[in-house]
């Protein structure tokens, strides 16, 4: 079984698309900026995408959906 599971991750985010987008962006940040490192102390995974998923499950990553139509009022 993989950790964290897709079911547990989807309780933190609203869709699989959001999950992929948030985790991919964070994985790129982890890979490019090695001095900053992960936001969790002891990640189970050694790959950047796995670490990003662990950060989501541990509530270190959040997202805010912006609706551009709200700004036009």
PDB file of N, CA and C in Angstrom:
ATOM      1  N   UNK A   1       0.834  -1.178   0.000  1.00  0.00           N
ATOM      2  CA  UNK A   1       0.000   0.000   0.000  1.00  0.00           C
ATOM      3  C   UNK A   1       0.883   1.247   0.000  1.00  0.00           C
ATOM      4  N   UNK A   2       0.469   2.225  -0.757  1.00  0.00           N
ATOM      5  CA  UNK A   2       1.227   3.460  -0.851  1.00  0.00           C
ATOM      6  C   UNK A   2       0.846   4.438   0.252  1.00  0.00           C
ATOM      7  N   UNK A   3       1.821   5.201   0.693  1.00  0.00           N
ATOM      8  CA  UNK A   3       1.572   6.234   1.691  1.00  0.00           C
ATOM      9  C   UNK A   3       1.912   7.576   1.077  1.00  0.00           C
ATOM     10  N   UNK A   4       1.118   8.565   1.231  1.00  0.00           N
ATOM     11  CA  UNK A   4      -0.264   8.556   1.713  1.00  0.00           C
ATOM     12  C   UNK A   4      -1.213   8.079   0.625  1.00  0.00           C
ATOM     13  N   UNK A   5      -2.336   7.535   1.036  1.00  0.00           N
ATOM     14  CA  UNK A   5      -3.283   6.988   0.063  1.00  0.00           C
ATOM     15  C   UNK A   5      -4.040   8.107  -0.645  1.00  0.00           C
ATOM     16  N   UNK A   6      -4.509   7.822  -1.835  1.00  0.00           N
ATOM     17  CA  UNK A   6      -5.250   8.809  -2.618  1.00  0.00           C
ATOM     18  C   UNK A   6      -6.524   9.222  -1.889  1.00  0.00           C
ATOM     19  N   UNK A   7      -7.157   8.284  -1.197  1.00  0.00           N
ATOM     20  CA  UNK A   7      -8.382   8.605  -0.463  1.00  0.00           C
ATOM     21  C   UNK A   7      -8.120   9.598   0.666  1.00  0.00           C
ATOM     22  N   UNK A   8      -7.041   9.408   1.390  1.00  0.00           N
ATOM     23  CA  UNK A   8      -6.735  10.342   2.475  1.00  0.00           C
ATOM     24  C   UNK A   8      -6.315  11.709   1.930  1.00  0.00           C
ATOM     25  N   UNK A   9      -5.646  11.731   0.793  1.00  0.00           N
ATOM     26  CA  UNK A   9      -5.255  13.009   0.185  1.00  0.00           C
ATOM     27  C   UNK A   9      -6.464  13.794  -0.320  1.00  0.00           C
ATOM     28  N   UNK A  10      -7.453  13.087  -0.842  1.00  0.00           N
ATOM     29  CA  UNK A  10      -8.635  13.771  -1.368  1.00  0.00           C
ATOM     30  C   UNK A  10      -9.518  14.343  -0.263  1.00  0.00           C
ATOM     31  N   UNK A  11      -9.277  13.969   0.987  1.00  0.00           N
ATOM     32  CA  UNK A  11      -9.989  14.625   2.087  1.00  0.00           C
ATOM     33  C   UNK A  11      -9.389  15.997   2.367  1.00  0.00           C
ATOM     34  N   UNK A  12      -8.159  16.237   1.917  1.00  0.00           N
ATOM     35  CA  UNK A  12      -7.474  17.514   2.140  1.00  0.00           C
ATOM     36  C   UNK A  12      -7.693  18.496   0.989  1.00  0.00           C
ATOM     37  N   UNK A  13      -7.920  17.989  -0.221  1.00  0.00           N
ATOM     38  CA  UNK A  13      -8.092  18.822  -1.402  1.00  0.00           C
ATOM     39  C   UNK A  13      -9.411  18.469  -2.078  1.00  0.00           C
ATOM     40  N   UNK A  14      -9.847  19.321  -2.993  1.00  0.00           N
ATOM     41  CA  UNK A  14     -11.185  19.140  -3.557  1.00  0.00           C
ATOM     42  C   UNK A  14     -11.249  18.236  -4.785  1.00  0.00           C
ATOM     43  N   UNK A  15     -10.125  17.987  -5.456  1.00  0.00           N
ATOM     44  CA  UNK A  15     -10.166  17.142  -6.648  1.00  0.00           C
ATOM     45  C   UNK A  15      -8.788  16.550  -6.926  1.00  0.00           C
ATOM     46  N   UNK A  16      -8.778  15.553  -7.793  1.00  0.00           N
ATOM     47  CA  UNK A  16      -7.503  14.946  -8.192  1.00  0.00           C
ATOM     48  C   UNK A  16      -6.669  15.940  -8.986  1.00  0.00           C
ATOM     49  N   UNK A  17      -7.324  16.791  -9.771  1.00  0.00           N
ATOM     50  CA  UNK A  17      -6.608  17.808 -10.540  1.00  0.00           C
ATOM     51  C   UNK A  17      -5.866  18.761  -9.603  1.00  0.00           C
ATOM     52  N   UNK A  18      -6.533  19.201  -8.563  1.00  0.00           N
ATOM     53  CA  UNK A  18      -5.897  20.086  -7.587  1.00  0.00           C
ATOM     54  C   UNK A  18      -4.741  19.376  -6.896  1.00  0.00           C
ATOM     55  N   UNK A  19      -4.939  18.122  -6.567  1.00  0.00           N
ATOM     56  CA  UNK A  19      -3.890  17.331  -5.926  1.00  0.00           C
ATOM     57  C   UNK A  19      -2.644  17.262  -6.798  1.00  0.00           C
ATOM     58  N   UNK A  20      -2.818  16.979  -8.070  1.00  0.00           N
ATOM     59  CA  UNK A  20      -1.682  16.880  -8.997  1.00  0.00           C
ATOM     60  C   UNK A  20      -1.000  18.234  -9.154  1.00  0.00           C
ATOM     61  N   UNK A  21      -1.783  19.295  -9.296  1.00  0.00           N
ATOM     62  CA  UNK A  21      -1.223  20.621  -9.503  1.00  0.00           C
ATOM     63  C   UNK A  21      -0.417  21.091  -8.292  1.00  0.00           C
ATOM     64  N   UNK A  22      -1.000  20.977  -7.106  1.00  0.00           N
ATOM     65  CA  UNK A  22      -0.329  21.431  -5.879  1.00  0.00           C
ATOM     66  C   UNK A  22       0.923  20.606  -5.600  1.00  0.00           C
ATOM     67  N   UNK A  23       0.812  19.290  -5.728  1.00  0.00           N
ATOM     68  CA  UNK A  23       1.972  18.441  -5.422  1.00  0.00           C
ATOM     69  C   UNK A  23       3.089  18.614  -6.451  1.00  0.00           C
ATOM     70  N   UNK A  24       2.751  18.783  -7.721  1.00  0.00           N
ATOM     71  CA  UNK A  24       3.783  18.978  -8.747  1.00  0.00           C
ATOM     72  C   UNK A  24       4.519  20.293  -8.548  1.00  0.00           C
ATOM     73  N   UNK A  25       3.784  21.344  -8.224  1.00  0.00           N
ATOM     74  CA  UNK A  25       4.418  22.645  -7.993  1.00  0.00           C
ATOM     75  C   UNK A  25       5.368  22.576  -6.794  1.00  0.00           C
ATOM     76  N   UNK A  26       4.915  21.956  -5.714  1.00  0.00           N
ATOM     77  CA  UNK A  26       5.754  21.830  -4.524  1.00  0.00           C
ATOM     78  C   UNK A  26       6.951  20.918  -4.782  1.00  0.00           C
ATOM     79  N   UNK A  27       6.764  19.846  -5.547  1.00  0.00           N
ATOM     80  CA  UNK A  27       7.874  18.945  -5.867  1.00  0.00           C
ATOM     81  C   UNK A  27       8.956  19.686  -6.647  1.00  0.00           C
ATOM     82  N   UNK A  28       8.561  20.549  -7.574  1.00  0.00           N
ATOM     83  CA  UNK A  28       9.545  21.358  -8.308  1.00  0.00           C
ATOM     84  C   UNK A  28      10.292  22.282  -7.360  1.00  0.00           C
ATOM     85  N   UNK A  29       9.587  22.882  -6.396  1.00  0.00           N
ATOM     86  CA  UNK A  29      10.246  23.748  -5.421  1.00  0.00           C
ATOM     87  C   UNK A  29      11.272  22.968  -4.600  1.00  0.00           C
ATOM     88  N   UNK A  30      10.897  21.779  -4.163  1.00  0.00           N
ATOM     89  CA  UNK A  30      11.805  20.944  -3.367  1.00  0.00           C
ATOM     90  C   UNK A  30      13.033  20.572  -4.189  1.00  0.00           C
ATOM     91  N   UNK A  31      12.821  20.202  -5.441  1.00  0.00           N
ATOM     92  CA  UNK A  31      13.926  19.762  -6.300  1.00  0.00           C
ATOM     93  C   UNK A  31      14.870  20.912  -6.649  1.00  0.00           C
ATOM     94  N   UNK A  32      14.329  22.085  -6.926  1.00  0.00           N
ATOM     95  CA  UNK A  32      15.154  23.213  -7.351  1.00  0.00           C
ATOM     96  C   UNK A  32      15.864  23.903  -6.195  1.00  0.00           C
ATOM     97  N   UNK A  33      15.246  23.941  -5.026  1.00  0.00           N
ATOM     98  CA  UNK A  33      15.819  24.654  -3.888  1.00  0.00           C
ATOM     99  C   UNK A  33      16.164  23.652  -2.790  1.00  0.00           C
ATOM    100  N   UNK A  34      17.261  22.978  -2.953  1.00  0.00           N
ATOM    101  CA  UNK A  34      17.651  21.929  -2.022  1.00  0.00           C
ATOM    102  C   UNK A  34      18.011  22.469  -0.645  1.00  0.00           C
ATOM    103  N   UNK A  35      18.406  23.750  -0.548  1.00  0.00           N
ATOM    104  CA  UNK A  35      18.782  24.318   0.740  1.00  0.00           C
ATOM    105  C   UNK A  35      17.569  24.494   1.654  1.00  0.00           C
ATOM    106  N   UNK A  36      16.390  24.706   1.047  1.00  0.00           N
ATOM    107  CA  UNK A  36      15.186  24.911   1.846  1.00  0.00           C
ATOM    108  C   UNK A  36      14.646  23.595   2.386  1.00  0.00           C
ATOM    109  N   UNK A  37      14.617  22.578   1.568  1.00  0.00           N
ATOM    110  CA  UNK A  37      14.204  21.249   1.995  1.00  0.00           C
ATOM    111  C   UNK A  37      12.733  21.107   2.293  1.00  0.00           C
ATOM    112  N   UNK A  38      12.338  19.921   2.726  1.00  0.00           N
ATOM    113  CA  UNK A  38      10.926  19.654   3.011  1.00  0.00           C
ATOM    114  C   UNK A  38      10.448  20.361   4.283  1.00  0.00           C
ATOM    115  N   UNK A  39       9.122  20.542   4.364  1.00  0.00           N
ATOM    116  CA  UNK A  39       8.515  21.182   5.532  1.00  0.00           C
ATOM    117  C   UNK A  39       8.217  20.187   6.643  1.00  0.00           C
ATOM    118  N   UNK A  40       8.469  18.918   6.401  1.00  0.00           N
ATOM    119  CA  UNK A  40       8.262  17.905   7.436  1.00  0.00           C
ATOM    120  C   UNK A  40       9.627  17.394   7.883  1.00  0.00           C
ATOM    121  N   UNK A  41       9.698  16.975   9.132  1.00  0.00           N
ATOM    122  CA  UNK A  41      11.010  16.636   9.694  1.00  0.00           C
ATOM    123  C   UNK A  41      11.580  15.317   9.179  1.00  0.00           C
ATOM    124  N   UNK A  42      10.773  14.284   9.090  1.00  0.00           N
ATOM    125  CA  UNK A  42      11.279  12.977   8.656  1.00  0.00           C
ATOM    126  C   UNK A  42      10.367  12.382   7.603  1.00  0.00           C
ATOM    127  N   UNK A  43      10.530  12.791   6.330  1.00  0.00           N
ATOM    128  CA  UNK A  43       9.672  12.226   5.289  1.00  0.00           C
ATOM    129  C   UNK A  43       9.948  10.741   5.062  1.00  0.00           C
ATOM    130  N   UNK A  44       8.906  10.003   4.774  1.00  0.00           N
ATOM    131  CA  UNK A  44       9.024   8.577   4.466  1.00  0.00           C
ATOM    132  C   UNK A  44       9.609   8.409   3.071  1.00  0.00           C
ATOM    133  N   UNK A  45       9.164   9.251   2.145  1.00  0.00           N
ATOM    134  CA  UNK A  45       9.605   9.177   0.757  1.00  0.00           C
ATOM    135  C   UNK A  45      10.912   9.946   0.559  1.00  0.00           C
ATOM    136  N   UNK A  46      11.687   9.521  -0.400  1.00  0.00           N
ATOM    137  CA  UNK A  46      12.906  10.242  -0.738  1.00  0.00           C
ATOM    138  C   UNK A  46      12.771  11.011  -2.049  1.00  0.00           C
ATOM    139  N   UNK A  47      11.666  10.801  -2.767  1.00  0.00           N
ATOM    140  CA  UNK A  47      11.429  11.517  -4.018  1.00  0.00           C
ATOM    141  C   UNK A  47      10.621  12.782  -3.740  1.00  0.00           C
ATOM    142  N   UNK A  48      10.868  13.852  -4.500  1.00  0.00           N
ATOM    143  CA  UNK A  48      10.187  15.132  -4.247  1.00  0.00           C
ATOM    144  C   UNK A  48       8.659  15.056  -4.305  1.00  0.00           C
ATOM    145  N   UNK A  49       8.097  14.280  -5.223  1.00  0.00           N
ATOM    146  CA  UNK A  49       6.635  14.182  -5.308  1.00  0.00           C
ATOM    147  C   UNK A  49       6.077  13.498  -4.064  1.00  0.00           C
ATOM    148  N   UNK A  50       6.715  12.459  -3.606  1.00  0.00           N
ATOM    149  CA  UNK A  50       6.273  11.772  -2.393  1.00  0.00           C
ATOM    150  C   UNK A  50       6.348  12.666  -1.175  1.00  0.00           C
ATOM    151  N   UNK A  51       7.413  13.458  -1.083  1.00  0.00           N
ATOM    152  CA  UNK A  51       7.554  14.399   0.027  1.00  0.00           C
ATOM    153  C   UNK A  51       6.444  15.446  -0.039  1.00  0.00           C
ATOM    154  N   UNK A  52       6.135  15.940  -1.223  1.00  0.00           N
ATOM    155  CA  UNK A  52       5.060  16.917  -1.388  1.00  0.00           C
ATOM    156  C   UNK A  52       3.721  16.334  -0.951  1.00  0.00           C
ATOM    157  N   UNK A  53       3.452  15.088  -1.294  1.00  0.00           N
ATOM    158  CA  UNK A  53       2.210  14.437  -0.875  1.00  0.00           C
ATOM    159  C   UNK A  53       2.152  14.275   0.642  1.00  0.00           C
ATOM    160  N   UNK A  54       3.283  13.965   1.248  1.00  0.00           N
ATOM    161  CA  UNK A  54       3.329  13.865   2.706  1.00  0.00           C
ATOM    162  C   UNK A  54       3.086  15.225   3.352  1.00  0.00           C
ATOM    163  N   UNK A  55       3.578  16.292   2.737  1.00  0.00           N
ATOM    164  CA  UNK A  55       3.333  17.638   3.263  1.00  0.00           C
ATOM    165  C   UNK A  55       1.852  17.993   3.185  1.00  0.00           C
ATOM    166  N   UNK A  56       1.176  17.541   2.130  1.00  0.00           N
ATOM    167  CA  UNK A  56      -0.261  17.792   2.010  1.00  0.00           C
ATOM    168  C   UNK A  56      -1.017  17.055   3.109  1.00  0.00           C
ATOM    169  N   UNK A  57      -0.693  15.803   3.327  1.00  0.00           N
ATOM    170  CA  UNK A  57      -1.410  15.001   4.319  1.00  0.00           C
ATOM    171  C   UNK A  57      -1.151  15.514   5.736  1.00  0.00           C
ATOM    172  N   UNK A  58       0.009  16.133   5.966  1.00  0.00           N
ATOM    173  CA  UNK A  58       0.345  16.684   7.282  1.00  0.00           C
ATOM    174  C   UNK A  58      -0.086  18.143   7.435  1.00  0.00           C
ATOM    175  N   UNK A  59      -0.892  18.651   6.499  1.00  0.00           N
ATOM    176  CA  UNK A  59      -1.442  20.015   6.542  1.00  0.00           C
ATOM    177  C   UNK A  59      -0.390  21.119   6.467  1.00  0.00           C
ATOM    178  N   UNK A  60       0.710  20.859   5.781  1.00  0.00           N
ATOM    179  CA  UNK A  60       1.707  21.901   5.560  1.00  0.00           C
ATOM    180  C   UNK A  60       1.469  22.641   4.255  1.00  0.00           C
ATOM    181  N   UNK A  61       0.736  22.043   3.338  1.00  0.00           N
ATOM    182  CA  UNK A  61       0.410  22.680   2.058  1.00  0.00           C
ATOM    183  C   UNK A  61      -1.087  22.900   1.971  1.00  0.00           C
ATOM    184  N   UNK A  62      -1.455  24.097   1.516  1.00  0.00           N
ATOM    185  CA  UNK A  62      -2.856  24.453   1.329  1.00  0.00           C
ATOM    186  C   UNK A  62      -2.976  25.154  -0.007  1.00  0.00           C
ATOM    187  N   UNK A  63      -4.197  25.324  -0.471  1.00  0.00           N
ATOM    188  CA  UNK A  63      -4.422  26.059  -1.693  1.00  0.00           C
ATOM    189  C   UNK A  63      -5.634  26.949  -1.506  1.00  0.00           C
ATOM    190  N   UNK A  64      -5.674  27.996  -2.280  1.00  0.00           N
ATOM    191  CA  UNK A  64      -6.819  28.901  -2.269  1.00  0.00           C
ATOM    192  C   UNK A  64      -7.254  29.086  -3.707  1.00  0.00           C
ATOM    193  N   UNK A  65      -8.489  28.724  -3.997  1.00  0.00           N
ATOM    194  CA  UNK A  65      -9.010  28.857  -5.346  1.00  0.00           C
ATOM    195  C   UNK A  65      -9.409  30.314  -5.562  1.00  0.00           C
ATOM    196  N   UNK A  66      -8.882  30.910  -6.624  1.00  0.00           N
ATOM    197  CA  UNK A  66      -9.159  32.297  -6.948  1.00  0.00           C
ATOM    198  C   UNK A  66     -10.080  32.325  -8.146  1.00  0.00           C
ATOM    199  N   UNK A  67     -11.168  33.038  -8.031  1.00  0.00           N
ATOM    200  CA  UNK A  67     -12.103  33.177  -9.124  1.00  0.00           C
ATOM    201  C   UNK A  67     -11.894  34.562  -9.748  1.00  0.00           C
ATOM    202  N   UNK A  68     -11.338  34.635 -10.969  1.00  0.00           N
ATOM    203  CA  UNK A  68     -11.058  35.935 -11.575  1.00  0.00           C
ATOM    204  C   UNK A  68     -12.319  36.753 -11.863  1.00  0.00           C
ATOM    205  N   UNK A  69     -13.462  36.102 -11.954  1.00  0.00           N
ATOM    206  CA  UNK A  69     -14.706  36.834 -12.211  1.00  0.00           C
ATOM    207  C   UNK A  69     -15.151  37.645 -11.004  1.00  0.00           C
ATOM    208  N   UNK A  70     -14.717  37.261  -9.802  1.00  0.00           N
ATOM    209  CA  UNK A  70     -15.060  38.022  -8.605  1.00  0.00           C
ATOM    210  C   UNK A  70     -14.378  39.380  -8.584  1.00  0.00           C
ATOM    211  N   UNK A  71     -13.231  39.523  -9.246  1.00  0.00           N
ATOM    212  CA  UNK A  71     -12.481  40.778  -9.243  1.00  0.00           C
ATOM    213  C   UNK A  71     -13.070  41.821 -10.186  1.00  0.00           C
ATOM    214  N   UNK A  72     -13.952  41.420 -11.075  1.00  0.00           N
ATOM    215  CA  UNK A  72     -14.483  42.346 -12.075  1.00  0.00           C
ATOM    216  C   UNK A  72     -15.613  43.211 -11.536  1.00  0.00           C
ATOM    217  N   UNK A  73     -16.134  42.916 -10.376  1.00  0.00           N
ATOM    218  CA  UNK A  73     -17.274  43.659  -9.850  1.00  0.00           C
ATOM    219  C   UNK A  73     -16.948  45.061  -9.478  1.00  0.00           C
TER     220      UNK A  73
END
